[in-house]
Amino acid sequence: MKQRTYVDRMVKLGMLTAISIILVYAIHFPIFPSATYLEYDMADVPILIGTFLYGPWWGLALTAVVSVLQWLLVSPQSLWVGAVMHFLATGSYVVAAGLIYQRNKTRNAALIGMGVGSLLQTLMMIPMNLIFTVHFFGVPREVVIALLPTAIIPFNAIKTIVNSIITFLLYKRVAKLFEKDLVKARTLPHE
């Protein structure tokens, strides 16, 4: 029984991973003309749903897998740097949101968790852009500093807030679908 539950959870986490990759591949567009490389995508929505369903550490594991797959399948031009930035930014969001929601599984806790997570992810992108964008992508530090208040911070705030709203609207519906066992126990025929 315990193994079946574990396998069922892995199947569901695999589904959320696949949905995340499909979403980042299918839906991505720039928000600010001054920084067209900053593209909105919905890849974090399935990760957040997985976090609320299974807890912050499963959400972090889901973030790691999605980060690597996005790097390899969707944006190989960002090299490993994009995967690390995504893992750290989304990871901070899901751990914060997941820990708050795990303590008290209510709508208010979900909203507070997503609010704190959105703030953390937005703040996390400031030093990451100053480090990674400058040192690995070769963008001059002055350019990144100028983009912080006009593109980078607003972009990350908008992205996390929109993904939080979408997650909030979808979570209960997806949770009901995920209550069902996807992996059925095998029964052996009588001899």
N, C-alpha and C. Protein backbone atom coordinates (compact mmCIF):
# COMPACT_ATOMS: atom_id res chain seq x y z
N MET A 1 0.82 -1.20 0.00
CA MET A 1 0.00 0.00 0.00
C MET A 1 0.86 1.26 0.00
N LYS A 2 1.91 1.27 0.85
CA LYS A 2 2.78 2.44 0.94
C LYS A 2 3.51 2.68 -0.37
N GLN A 3 3.98 1.61 -1.02
CA GLN A 3 4.69 1.75 -2.28
C GLN A 3 3.75 2.28 -3.36
N ARG A 4 2.49 1.81 -3.36
CA ARG A 4 1.52 2.28 -4.35
C ARG A 4 1.27 3.78 -4.17
N THR A 5 1.19 4.25 -2.93
CA THR A 5 0.99 5.67 -2.65
C THR A 5 2.18 6.48 -3.16
N TYR A 6 3.39 5.97 -2.93
CA TYR A 6 4.60 6.65 -3.40
C TYR A 6 4.62 6.71 -4.93
N VAL A 7 4.30 5.61 -5.58
CA VAL A 7 4.28 5.57 -7.05
C VAL A 7 3.21 6.52 -7.58
N ASP A 8 2.05 6.54 -6.94
CA ASP A 8 0.97 7.44 -7.34
C ASP A 8 1.43 8.90 -7.25
N ARG A 9 2.12 9.24 -6.15
CA ARG A 9 2.62 10.60 -5.98
C ARG A 9 3.65 10.93 -7.07
N MET A 10 4.54 10.00 -7.38
CA MET A 10 5.55 10.24 -8.42
C MET A 10 4.89 10.46 -9.78
N VAL A 11 3.84 9.70 -10.07
CA VAL A 11 3.11 9.87 -11.33
C VAL A 11 2.50 11.27 -11.39
N LYS A 12 1.89 11.70 -10.30
CA LYS A 12 1.26 13.02 -10.27
C LYS A 12 2.29 14.14 -10.36
N LEU A 13 3.41 13.98 -9.67
CA LEU A 13 4.48 14.98 -9.77
C LEU A 13 5.06 15.01 -11.19
N GLY A 14 5.15 13.84 -11.83
CA GLY A 14 5.58 13.78 -13.22
C GLY A 14 4.62 14.52 -14.15
N MET A 15 3.33 14.37 -13.87
CA MET A 15 2.32 15.09 -14.67
C MET A 15 2.47 16.60 -14.49
N LEU A 16 2.66 17.04 -13.25
CA LEU A 16 2.84 18.47 -13.00
C LEU A 16 4.11 19.00 -13.67
N THR A 17 5.16 18.20 -13.68
CA THR A 17 6.39 18.58 -14.36
C THR A 17 6.14 18.74 -15.86
N ALA A 18 5.47 17.78 -16.45
CA ALA A 18 5.17 17.85 -17.89
C ALA A 18 4.31 19.07 -18.22
N ILE A 19 3.31 19.34 -17.40
CA ILE A 19 2.45 20.50 -17.64
C ILE A 19 3.27 21.79 -17.54
N SER A 20 4.17 21.84 -16.56
CA SER A 20 5.02 23.02 -16.41
C SER A 20 5.87 23.26 -17.65
N ILE A 21 6.47 22.20 -18.17
CA ILE A 21 7.32 22.33 -19.36
C ILE A 21 6.48 22.73 -20.57
N ILE A 22 5.32 22.15 -20.72
CA ILE A 22 4.43 22.51 -21.84
C ILE A 22 4.03 23.98 -21.74
N LEU A 23 3.70 24.44 -20.52
CA LEU A 23 3.30 25.83 -20.35
C LEU A 23 4.42 26.81 -20.68
N VAL A 24 5.64 26.51 -20.22
CA VAL A 24 6.75 27.44 -20.51
C VAL A 24 7.08 27.43 -22.00
N TYR A 25 6.88 26.32 -22.65
CA TYR A 25 7.14 26.23 -24.08
C TYR A 25 6.05 26.94 -24.89
N ALA A 26 4.79 26.77 -24.47
CA ALA A 26 3.66 27.28 -25.25
C ALA A 26 3.30 28.73 -24.95
N ILE A 27 3.48 29.15 -23.69
CA ILE A 27 3.05 30.49 -23.30
C ILE A 27 4.24 31.23 -22.70
N HIS A 28 4.82 32.11 -23.47
CA HIS A 28 5.89 32.97 -22.98
C HIS A 28 5.97 34.20 -23.86
N PHE A 29 5.99 35.35 -23.22
CA PHE A 29 6.05 36.61 -23.97
C PHE A 29 6.64 37.70 -23.09
N PRO A 30 7.33 38.66 -23.71
CA PRO A 30 7.91 39.75 -22.93
C PRO A 30 6.82 40.72 -22.46
N ILE A 31 7.08 41.33 -21.31
CA ILE A 31 6.15 42.32 -20.76
C ILE A 31 6.68 43.73 -20.98
N PHE A 32 8.01 43.90 -20.83
CA PHE A 32 8.63 45.21 -20.94
C PHE A 32 9.50 45.30 -22.19
N PRO A 33 9.25 46.29 -23.06
CA PRO A 33 10.06 46.45 -24.26
C PRO A 33 11.55 46.71 -23.96
N SER A 34 11.83 47.28 -22.80
CA SER A 34 13.22 47.59 -22.47
C SER A 34 14.02 46.35 -22.08
N ALA A 35 13.32 45.26 -21.81
CA ALA A 35 14.00 44.01 -21.44
C ALA A 35 13.22 42.83 -22.01
N THR A 36 13.32 42.65 -23.32
CA THR A 36 12.54 41.60 -23.99
C THR A 36 12.97 40.20 -23.59
N TYR A 37 14.15 40.06 -23.00
CA TYR A 37 14.60 38.74 -22.54
C TYR A 37 13.84 38.29 -21.29
N LEU A 38 13.17 39.21 -20.61
CA LEU A 38 12.33 38.86 -19.46
C LEU A 38 10.95 38.48 -19.98
N GLU A 39 10.69 37.19 -20.06
CA GLU A 39 9.43 36.71 -20.63
C GLU A 39 8.55 36.09 -19.54
N TYR A 40 7.28 36.52 -19.55
CA TYR A 40 6.32 35.92 -18.64
C TYR A 40 6.03 34.49 -19.09
N ASP A 41 5.93 33.57 -18.14
CA ASP A 41 5.46 32.22 -18.43
C ASP A 41 4.72 31.70 -17.20
N MET A 42 3.95 30.66 -17.41
CA MET A 42 3.12 30.08 -16.34
C MET A 42 3.73 28.82 -15.74
N ALA A 43 4.98 28.55 -15.98
CA ALA A 43 5.60 27.30 -15.54
C ALA A 43 5.55 27.10 -14.03
N ASP A 44 5.50 28.19 -13.27
CA ASP A 44 5.48 28.06 -11.81
C ASP A 44 4.11 27.65 -11.27
N VAL A 45 3.05 27.77 -12.04
CA VAL A 45 1.71 27.42 -11.56
C VAL A 45 1.63 25.93 -11.17
N PRO A 46 2.02 24.99 -12.05
CA PRO A 46 1.98 23.58 -11.63
C PRO A 46 2.92 23.29 -10.45
N ILE A 47 4.03 24.01 -10.38
CA ILE A 47 4.96 23.82 -9.27
C ILE A 47 4.30 24.25 -7.96
N LEU A 48 3.62 25.38 -7.99
CA LEU A 48 2.91 25.85 -6.79
C LEU A 48 1.78 24.90 -6.38
N ILE A 49 1.07 24.39 -7.37
CA ILE A 49 0.01 23.43 -7.08
C ILE A 49 0.61 22.19 -6.43
N GLY A 50 1.71 21.69 -6.98
CA GLY A 50 2.39 20.54 -6.38
C GLY A 50 2.87 20.83 -4.97
N THR A 51 3.32 22.05 -4.73
CA THR A 51 3.76 22.46 -3.40
C THR A 51 2.61 22.42 -2.41
N PHE A 52 1.47 22.95 -2.80
CA PHE A 52 0.31 22.96 -1.91
C PHE A 52 -0.24 21.55 -1.69
N LEU A 53 -0.15 20.71 -2.71
CA LEU A 53 -0.63 19.33 -2.58
C LEU A 53 0.26 18.48 -1.69
N TYR A 54 1.58 18.60 -1.86
CA TYR A 54 2.51 17.64 -1.23
C TYR A 54 3.51 18.25 -0.26
N GLY A 55 3.55 19.56 -0.15
CA GLY A 55 4.44 20.19 0.81
C GLY A 55 5.60 20.91 0.15
N PRO A 56 6.30 21.74 0.94
CA PRO A 56 7.34 22.59 0.39
C PRO A 56 8.55 21.83 -0.15
N TRP A 57 8.91 20.70 0.45
CA TRP A 57 10.11 20.00 -0.01
C TRP A 57 9.85 19.26 -1.31
N TRP A 58 8.63 18.76 -1.51
CA TRP A 58 8.27 18.19 -2.81
C TRP A 58 8.21 19.30 -3.84
N GLY A 59 7.72 20.48 -3.44
CA GLY A 59 7.69 21.63 -4.35
C GLY A 59 9.09 22.04 -4.77
N LEU A 60 10.04 21.99 -3.84
CA LEU A 60 11.41 22.33 -4.16
C LEU A 60 12.02 21.29 -5.11
N ALA A 61 11.71 20.02 -4.87
CA ALA A 61 12.19 18.95 -5.77
C ALA A 61 11.60 19.14 -7.17
N LEU A 62 10.32 19.46 -7.22
CA LEU A 62 9.65 19.72 -8.49
C LEU A 62 10.31 20.90 -9.21
N THR A 63 10.65 21.93 -8.45
CA THR A 63 11.34 23.11 -9.00
C THR A 63 12.68 22.71 -9.61
N ALA A 64 13.42 21.85 -8.92
CA ALA A 64 14.73 21.41 -9.42
C ALA A 64 14.59 20.67 -10.75
N VAL A 65 13.65 19.74 -10.80
CA VAL A 65 13.45 18.96 -12.03
C VAL A 65 13.01 19.86 -13.18
N VAL A 66 12.04 20.74 -12.91
CA VAL A 66 11.54 21.64 -13.95
C VAL A 66 12.66 22.59 -14.42
N SER A 67 13.48 23.08 -13.50
CA SER A 67 14.57 23.99 -13.86
C SER A 67 15.54 23.32 -14.82
N VAL A 68 15.92 22.10 -14.53
CA VAL A 68 16.85 21.38 -15.41
C VAL A 68 16.20 21.09 -16.76
N LEU A 69 14.95 20.65 -16.76
CA LEU A 69 14.26 20.35 -18.02
C LEU A 69 14.05 21.60 -18.86
N GLN A 70 13.71 22.73 -18.22
CA GLN A 70 13.57 23.98 -18.98
C GLN A 70 14.89 24.35 -19.64
N TRP A 71 15.97 24.19 -18.92
CA TRP A 71 17.30 24.50 -19.47
C TRP A 71 17.58 23.61 -20.68
N LEU A 72 17.36 22.30 -20.54
CA LEU A 72 17.72 21.37 -21.59
C LEU A 72 16.77 21.40 -22.78
N LEU A 73 15.47 21.59 -22.52
CA LEU A 73 14.47 21.45 -23.59
C LEU A 73 13.95 22.76 -24.15
N VAL A 74 13.90 23.80 -23.34
CA VAL A 74 13.23 25.03 -23.77
C VAL A 74 14.21 26.17 -24.02
N SER A 75 15.14 26.39 -23.12
CA SER A 75 16.04 27.53 -23.28
C SER A 75 17.50 27.15 -23.04
N PRO A 76 18.05 26.31 -23.92
CA PRO A 76 19.45 25.91 -23.75
C PRO A 76 20.43 27.09 -23.88
N GLN A 77 19.99 28.18 -24.53
CA GLN A 77 20.87 29.33 -24.68
C GLN A 77 21.17 30.00 -23.35
N SER A 78 20.35 29.79 -22.34
CA SER A 78 20.61 30.38 -21.03
C SER A 78 21.61 29.58 -20.22
N LEU A 79 22.01 28.43 -20.80
CA LEU A 79 22.98 27.55 -20.15
C LEU A 79 22.51 27.16 -18.76
N TRP A 80 23.42 26.72 -17.93
CA TRP A 80 23.07 26.30 -16.58
C TRP A 80 22.66 27.48 -15.71
N VAL A 81 23.04 28.69 -16.11
CA VAL A 81 22.75 29.89 -15.33
C VAL A 81 21.23 30.08 -15.19
N GLY A 82 20.50 29.91 -16.29
CA GLY A 82 19.05 30.04 -16.24
C GLY A 82 18.42 29.04 -15.30
N ALA A 83 18.93 27.82 -15.32
CA ALA A 83 18.40 26.78 -14.43
C ALA A 83 18.66 27.12 -12.97
N VAL A 84 19.84 27.61 -12.68
CA VAL A 84 20.17 27.99 -11.30
C VAL A 84 19.31 29.17 -10.85
N MET A 85 19.17 30.17 -11.71
CA MET A 85 18.35 31.34 -11.35
C MET A 85 16.90 30.93 -11.12
N HIS A 86 16.37 30.07 -11.99
CA HIS A 86 14.99 29.61 -11.82
C HIS A 86 14.84 28.81 -10.54
N PHE A 87 15.78 27.92 -10.28
CA PHE A 87 15.71 27.10 -9.07
C PHE A 87 15.74 27.97 -7.81
N LEU A 88 16.65 28.93 -7.75
CA LEU A 88 16.76 29.76 -6.55
C LEU A 88 15.55 30.68 -6.38
N ALA A 89 15.10 31.28 -7.47
CA ALA A 89 13.96 32.21 -7.38
C ALA A 89 12.66 31.47 -7.07
N THR A 90 12.32 30.48 -7.89
CA THR A 90 11.09 29.74 -7.67
C THR A 90 11.19 28.90 -6.39
N GLY A 91 12.38 28.38 -6.11
CA GLY A 91 12.58 27.61 -4.88
C GLY A 91 12.29 28.43 -3.64
N SER A 92 12.74 29.68 -3.61
CA SER A 92 12.45 30.53 -2.45
C SER A 92 10.95 30.78 -2.33
N TYR A 93 10.29 30.94 -3.46
CA TYR A 93 8.84 31.15 -3.47
C TYR A 93 8.11 29.92 -2.92
N VAL A 94 8.40 28.74 -3.45
CA VAL A 94 7.64 27.55 -3.07
C VAL A 94 7.92 27.11 -1.63
N VAL A 95 9.15 27.28 -1.17
CA VAL A 95 9.44 26.91 0.22
C VAL A 95 8.67 27.83 1.17
N ALA A 96 8.70 29.13 0.92
CA ALA A 96 7.98 30.07 1.78
C ALA A 96 6.47 29.81 1.73
N ALA A 97 5.91 29.75 0.53
CA ALA A 97 4.48 29.53 0.39
C ALA A 97 4.07 28.18 0.97
N GLY A 98 4.86 27.16 0.69
CA GLY A 98 4.55 25.81 1.17
C GLY A 98 4.62 25.68 2.67
N LEU A 99 5.63 26.29 3.30
CA LEU A 99 5.74 26.22 4.76
C LEU A 99 4.58 26.93 5.45
N ILE A 100 4.20 28.09 4.93
CA ILE A 100 3.07 28.82 5.52
C ILE A 100 1.78 28.05 5.34
N TYR A 101 1.55 27.53 4.14
CA TYR A 101 0.31 26.78 3.87
C TYR A 101 0.27 25.46 4.64
N GLN A 102 1.41 24.82 4.80
CA GLN A 102 1.47 23.53 5.50
C GLN A 102 1.05 23.66 6.96
N ARG A 103 1.34 24.79 7.58
CA ARG A 103 1.00 25.00 8.99
C ARG A 103 -0.50 25.16 9.20
N ASN A 104 -1.19 25.73 8.21
CA ASN A 104 -2.61 26.00 8.34
C ASN A 104 -3.22 26.01 6.95
N LYS A 105 -3.81 24.90 6.54
CA LYS A 105 -4.28 24.74 5.16
C LYS A 105 -5.62 25.43 4.95
N THR A 106 -5.55 26.77 4.88
CA THR A 106 -6.74 27.59 4.62
C THR A 106 -6.46 28.51 3.43
N ARG A 107 -7.52 29.13 2.95
CA ARG A 107 -7.35 30.08 1.84
C ARG A 107 -6.47 31.25 2.26
N ASN A 108 -6.69 31.74 3.50
CA ASN A 108 -5.88 32.86 3.97
C ASN A 108 -4.41 32.49 4.05
N ALA A 109 -4.12 31.29 4.54
CA ALA A 109 -2.72 30.85 4.62
C ALA A 109 -2.13 30.73 3.22
N ALA A 110 -2.91 30.24 2.26
CA ALA A 110 -2.43 30.14 0.88
C ALA A 110 -2.12 31.53 0.33
N LEU A 111 -3.02 32.48 0.57
CA LEU A 111 -2.81 33.85 0.08
C LEU A 111 -1.59 34.50 0.74
N ILE A 112 -1.48 34.34 2.06
CA ILE A 112 -0.32 34.89 2.76
C ILE A 112 0.96 34.23 2.26
N GLY A 113 0.93 32.91 2.13
CA GLY A 113 2.10 32.18 1.64
C GLY A 113 2.52 32.63 0.25
N MET A 114 1.55 32.80 -0.63
CA MET A 114 1.88 33.24 -1.98
C MET A 114 2.36 34.69 -1.98
N GLY A 115 1.81 35.51 -1.09
CA GLY A 115 2.28 36.89 -0.97
C GLY A 115 3.73 36.95 -0.50
N VAL A 116 4.04 36.20 0.54
CA VAL A 116 5.41 36.15 1.05
C VAL A 116 6.34 35.55 0.00
N GLY A 117 5.90 34.47 -0.65
CA GLY A 117 6.70 33.84 -1.69
C GLY A 117 6.96 34.77 -2.87
N SER A 118 5.94 35.51 -3.28
CA SER A 118 6.10 36.47 -4.38
C SER A 118 7.13 37.53 -4.02
N LEU A 119 7.05 38.03 -2.80
CA LEU A 119 8.00 39.04 -2.35
C LEU A 119 9.42 38.47 -2.33
N LEU A 120 9.56 37.26 -1.79
CA LEU A 120 10.89 36.64 -1.74
C LEU A 120 11.47 36.41 -3.13
N GLN A 121 10.66 35.89 -4.03
CA GLN A 121 11.15 35.64 -5.39
C GLN A 121 11.55 36.94 -6.07
N THR A 122 10.75 37.97 -5.92
CA THR A 122 11.07 39.26 -6.52
C THR A 122 12.37 39.82 -5.95
N LEU A 123 12.53 39.75 -4.64
CA LEU A 123 13.76 40.24 -4.00
C LEU A 123 14.96 39.37 -4.38
N MET A 124 14.76 38.06 -4.50
CA MET A 124 15.84 37.15 -4.84
C MET A 124 16.42 37.46 -6.22
N MET A 125 15.58 37.95 -7.12
CA MET A 125 16.04 38.23 -8.48
C MET A 125 16.94 39.46 -8.56
N ILE A 126 16.94 40.30 -7.53
CA ILE A 126 17.82 41.48 -7.56
C ILE A 126 19.28 41.05 -7.49
N PRO A 127 19.71 40.35 -6.43
CA PRO A 127 21.13 39.95 -6.41
C PRO A 127 21.47 38.94 -7.51
N MET A 128 20.52 38.09 -7.88
CA MET A 128 20.82 37.12 -8.94
C MET A 128 21.10 37.80 -10.27
N ASN A 129 20.35 38.84 -10.58
CA ASN A 129 20.63 39.58 -11.81
C ASN A 129 21.95 40.35 -11.72
N LEU A 130 22.24 40.89 -10.54
CA LEU A 130 23.52 41.59 -10.36
C LEU A 130 24.71 40.64 -10.45
N ILE A 131 24.50 39.40 -10.08
CA ILE A 131 25.59 38.41 -10.15
C ILE A 131 25.61 37.71 -11.51
N PHE A 132 24.54 37.01 -11.81
CA PHE A 132 24.54 36.15 -13.00
C PHE A 132 24.46 36.93 -14.32
N THR A 133 23.55 37.91 -14.39
CA THR A 133 23.39 38.65 -15.64
C THR A 133 24.66 39.43 -15.97
N VAL A 134 25.30 39.96 -14.93
CA VAL A 134 26.53 40.72 -15.14
C VAL A 134 27.71 39.80 -15.45
N HIS A 135 27.94 38.81 -14.61
CA HIS A 135 29.16 38.00 -14.72
C HIS A 135 29.09 36.86 -15.74
N PHE A 136 27.90 36.32 -16.00
CA PHE A 136 27.81 35.19 -16.92
C PHE A 136 27.23 35.55 -18.28
N PHE A 137 26.37 36.59 -18.31
CA PHE A 137 25.80 37.00 -19.60
C PHE A 137 26.47 38.24 -20.14
N GLY A 138 27.37 38.84 -19.36
CA GLY A 138 28.17 39.96 -19.83
C GLY A 138 27.45 41.29 -19.96
N VAL A 139 26.30 41.43 -19.33
CA VAL A 139 25.60 42.71 -19.37
C VAL A 139 26.29 43.65 -18.38
N PRO A 140 26.61 44.86 -18.79
CA PRO A 140 27.28 45.77 -17.86
C PRO A 140 26.45 46.01 -16.60
N ARG A 141 27.14 46.09 -15.47
CA ARG A 141 26.48 46.27 -14.17
C ARG A 141 25.58 47.51 -14.15
N GLU A 142 26.04 48.59 -14.79
CA GLU A 142 25.25 49.83 -14.82
C GLU A 142 23.92 49.62 -15.53
N VAL A 143 23.94 48.81 -16.57
CA VAL A 143 22.71 48.51 -17.32
C VAL A 143 21.74 47.72 -16.43
N VAL A 144 22.26 46.70 -15.73
CA VAL A 144 21.41 45.90 -14.84
C VAL A 144 20.84 46.77 -13.72
N ILE A 145 21.68 47.62 -13.15
CA ILE A 145 21.21 48.52 -12.07
C ILE A 145 20.11 49.44 -12.59
N ALA A 146 20.26 49.95 -13.80
CA ALA A 146 19.24 50.82 -14.40
C ALA A 146 17.95 50.06 -14.67
N LEU A 147 18.06 48.76 -15.02
CA LEU A 147 16.88 47.95 -15.31
C LEU A 147 16.15 47.47 -14.06
N LEU A 148 16.82 47.46 -12.92
CA LEU A 148 16.18 46.95 -11.69
C LEU A 148 14.84 47.62 -11.42
N PRO A 149 14.78 48.95 -11.29
CA PRO A 149 13.47 49.55 -10.96
C PRO A 149 12.51 49.68 -12.13
N THR A 150 13.04 49.65 -13.36
CA THR A 150 12.18 49.87 -14.53
C THR A 150 11.70 48.59 -15.20
N ALA A 151 12.39 47.47 -14.99
CA ALA A 151 12.00 46.23 -15.66
C ALA A 151 12.12 45.00 -14.76
N ILE A 152 13.26 44.77 -14.15
CA ILE A 152 13.49 43.51 -13.44
C ILE A 152 12.57 43.34 -12.23
N ILE A 153 12.52 44.34 -11.37
CA ILE A 153 11.65 44.23 -10.18
C ILE A 153 10.17 44.21 -10.57
N PRO A 154 9.70 45.15 -11.42
CA PRO A 154 8.29 45.08 -11.81
C PRO A 154 7.93 43.78 -12.53
N PHE A 155 8.82 43.32 -13.40
CA PHE A 155 8.55 42.07 -14.12
C PHE A 155 8.34 40.91 -13.15
N ASN A 156 9.27 40.74 -12.22
CA ASN A 156 9.16 39.63 -11.28
C ASN A 156 7.96 39.77 -10.36
N ALA A 157 7.63 40.99 -9.98
CA ALA A 157 6.44 41.21 -9.15
C ALA A 157 5.17 40.83 -9.93
N ILE A 158 5.08 41.29 -11.18
CA ILE A 158 3.91 40.97 -12.01
C ILE A 158 3.81 39.47 -12.25
N LYS A 159 4.93 38.86 -12.61
CA LYS A 159 4.93 37.42 -12.91
C LYS A 159 4.47 36.60 -11.70
N THR A 160 5.02 36.90 -10.53
CA THR A 160 4.66 36.10 -9.35
C THR A 160 3.23 36.36 -8.92
N ILE A 161 2.77 37.59 -9.04
CA ILE A 161 1.39 37.89 -8.64
C ILE A 161 0.40 37.21 -9.59
N VAL A 162 0.65 37.30 -10.90
CA VAL A 162 -0.25 36.65 -11.87
C VAL A 162 -0.25 35.14 -11.66
N ASN A 163 0.92 34.53 -11.48
CA ASN A 163 0.97 33.09 -11.25
C ASN A 163 0.31 32.70 -9.93
N SER A 164 0.39 33.56 -8.94
CA SER A 164 -0.29 33.30 -7.66
C SER A 164 -1.81 33.32 -7.84
N ILE A 165 -2.29 34.29 -8.59
CA ILE A 165 -3.75 34.39 -8.83
C ILE A 165 -4.23 33.16 -9.61
N ILE A 166 -3.51 32.78 -10.64
CA ILE A 166 -3.89 31.60 -11.42
C ILE A 166 -3.88 30.35 -10.54
N THR A 167 -2.84 30.20 -9.73
CA THR A 167 -2.76 29.05 -8.81
C THR A 167 -3.94 29.05 -7.86
N PHE A 168 -4.25 30.20 -7.29
CA PHE A 168 -5.36 30.32 -6.34
C PHE A 168 -6.68 29.91 -6.99
N LEU A 169 -6.88 30.30 -8.24
CA LEU A 169 -8.12 29.97 -8.95
C LEU A 169 -8.20 28.49 -9.34
N LEU A 170 -7.07 27.87 -9.61
CA LEU A 170 -7.06 26.48 -10.10
C LEU A 170 -6.85 25.42 -9.02
N TYR A 171 -6.26 25.78 -7.91
CA TYR A 171 -5.78 24.78 -6.94
C TYR A 171 -6.86 23.80 -6.49
N LYS A 172 -7.99 24.27 -6.05
CA LYS A 172 -9.03 23.36 -5.52
C LYS A 172 -9.52 22.40 -6.60
N ARG A 173 -9.65 22.88 -7.81
CA ARG A 173 -10.11 22.01 -8.91
C ARG A 173 -9.08 20.92 -9.21
N VAL A 174 -7.82 21.31 -9.26
CA VAL A 174 -6.76 20.33 -9.52
C VAL A 174 -6.63 19.36 -8.34
N ALA A 175 -6.75 19.88 -7.12
CA ALA A 175 -6.64 19.03 -5.92
C ALA A 175 -7.71 17.94 -5.94
N LYS A 176 -8.91 18.26 -6.40
CA LYS A 176 -9.98 17.25 -6.48
C LYS A 176 -9.63 16.16 -7.49
N LEU A 177 -9.04 16.56 -8.60
CA LEU A 177 -8.62 15.56 -9.59
C LEU A 177 -7.51 14.68 -9.04
N PHE A 178 -6.61 15.25 -8.26
CA PHE A 178 -5.46 14.53 -7.75
C PHE A 178 -5.78 13.67 -6.53
N GLU A 179 -6.99 13.80 -5.99
CA GLU A 179 -7.40 12.93 -4.87
C GLU A 179 -7.56 11.49 -5.33
N LYS A 180 -7.83 11.30 -6.60
CA LYS A 180 -8.03 9.95 -7.13
C LYS A 180 -6.70 9.24 -7.28
N ASP A 181 -6.68 7.95 -6.99
CA ASP A 181 -5.47 7.16 -7.20
C ASP A 181 -5.30 6.91 -8.70
N LEU A 182 -4.14 7.24 -9.20
CA LEU A 182 -3.85 6.98 -10.61
C LEU A 182 -3.24 5.62 -10.82
N VAL A 183 -2.63 5.11 -9.75
CA VAL A 183 -1.98 3.81 -9.81
C VAL A 183 -2.86 2.83 -9.06
N LYS A 184 -3.41 1.88 -9.76
CA LYS A 184 -4.30 0.88 -9.16
C LYS A 184 -3.50 -0.33 -8.72
N ALA A 185 -3.97 -0.94 -7.66
CA ALA A 185 -3.30 -2.16 -7.16
C ALA A 185 -3.59 -3.30 -8.15
N ARG A 186 -2.56 -4.09 -8.38
CA ARG A 186 -2.72 -5.23 -9.28
C ARG A 186 -3.29 -6.40 -8.47
N THR A 187 -4.19 -7.09 -9.10
CA THR A 187 -4.70 -8.31 -8.47
C THR A 187 -4.29 -9.48 -9.34
N LEU A 188 -3.81 -10.51 -8.70
CA LEU A 188 -3.38 -11.70 -9.44
C LEU A 188 -4.57 -12.60 -9.69
N PRO A 189 -4.65 -13.20 -10.87
CA PRO A 189 -5.75 -14.13 -11.15
C PRO A 189 -5.62 -15.38 -10.30
N HIS A 190 -6.76 -15.96 -9.97
CA HIS A 190 -6.76 -17.21 -9.19
C HIS A 190 -6.28 -18.37 -10.05
N GLU A 191 -5.54 -19.25 -9.43
CA GLU A 191 -5.03 -20.39 -10.19
C GLU A 191 -5.94 -21.58 -10.06
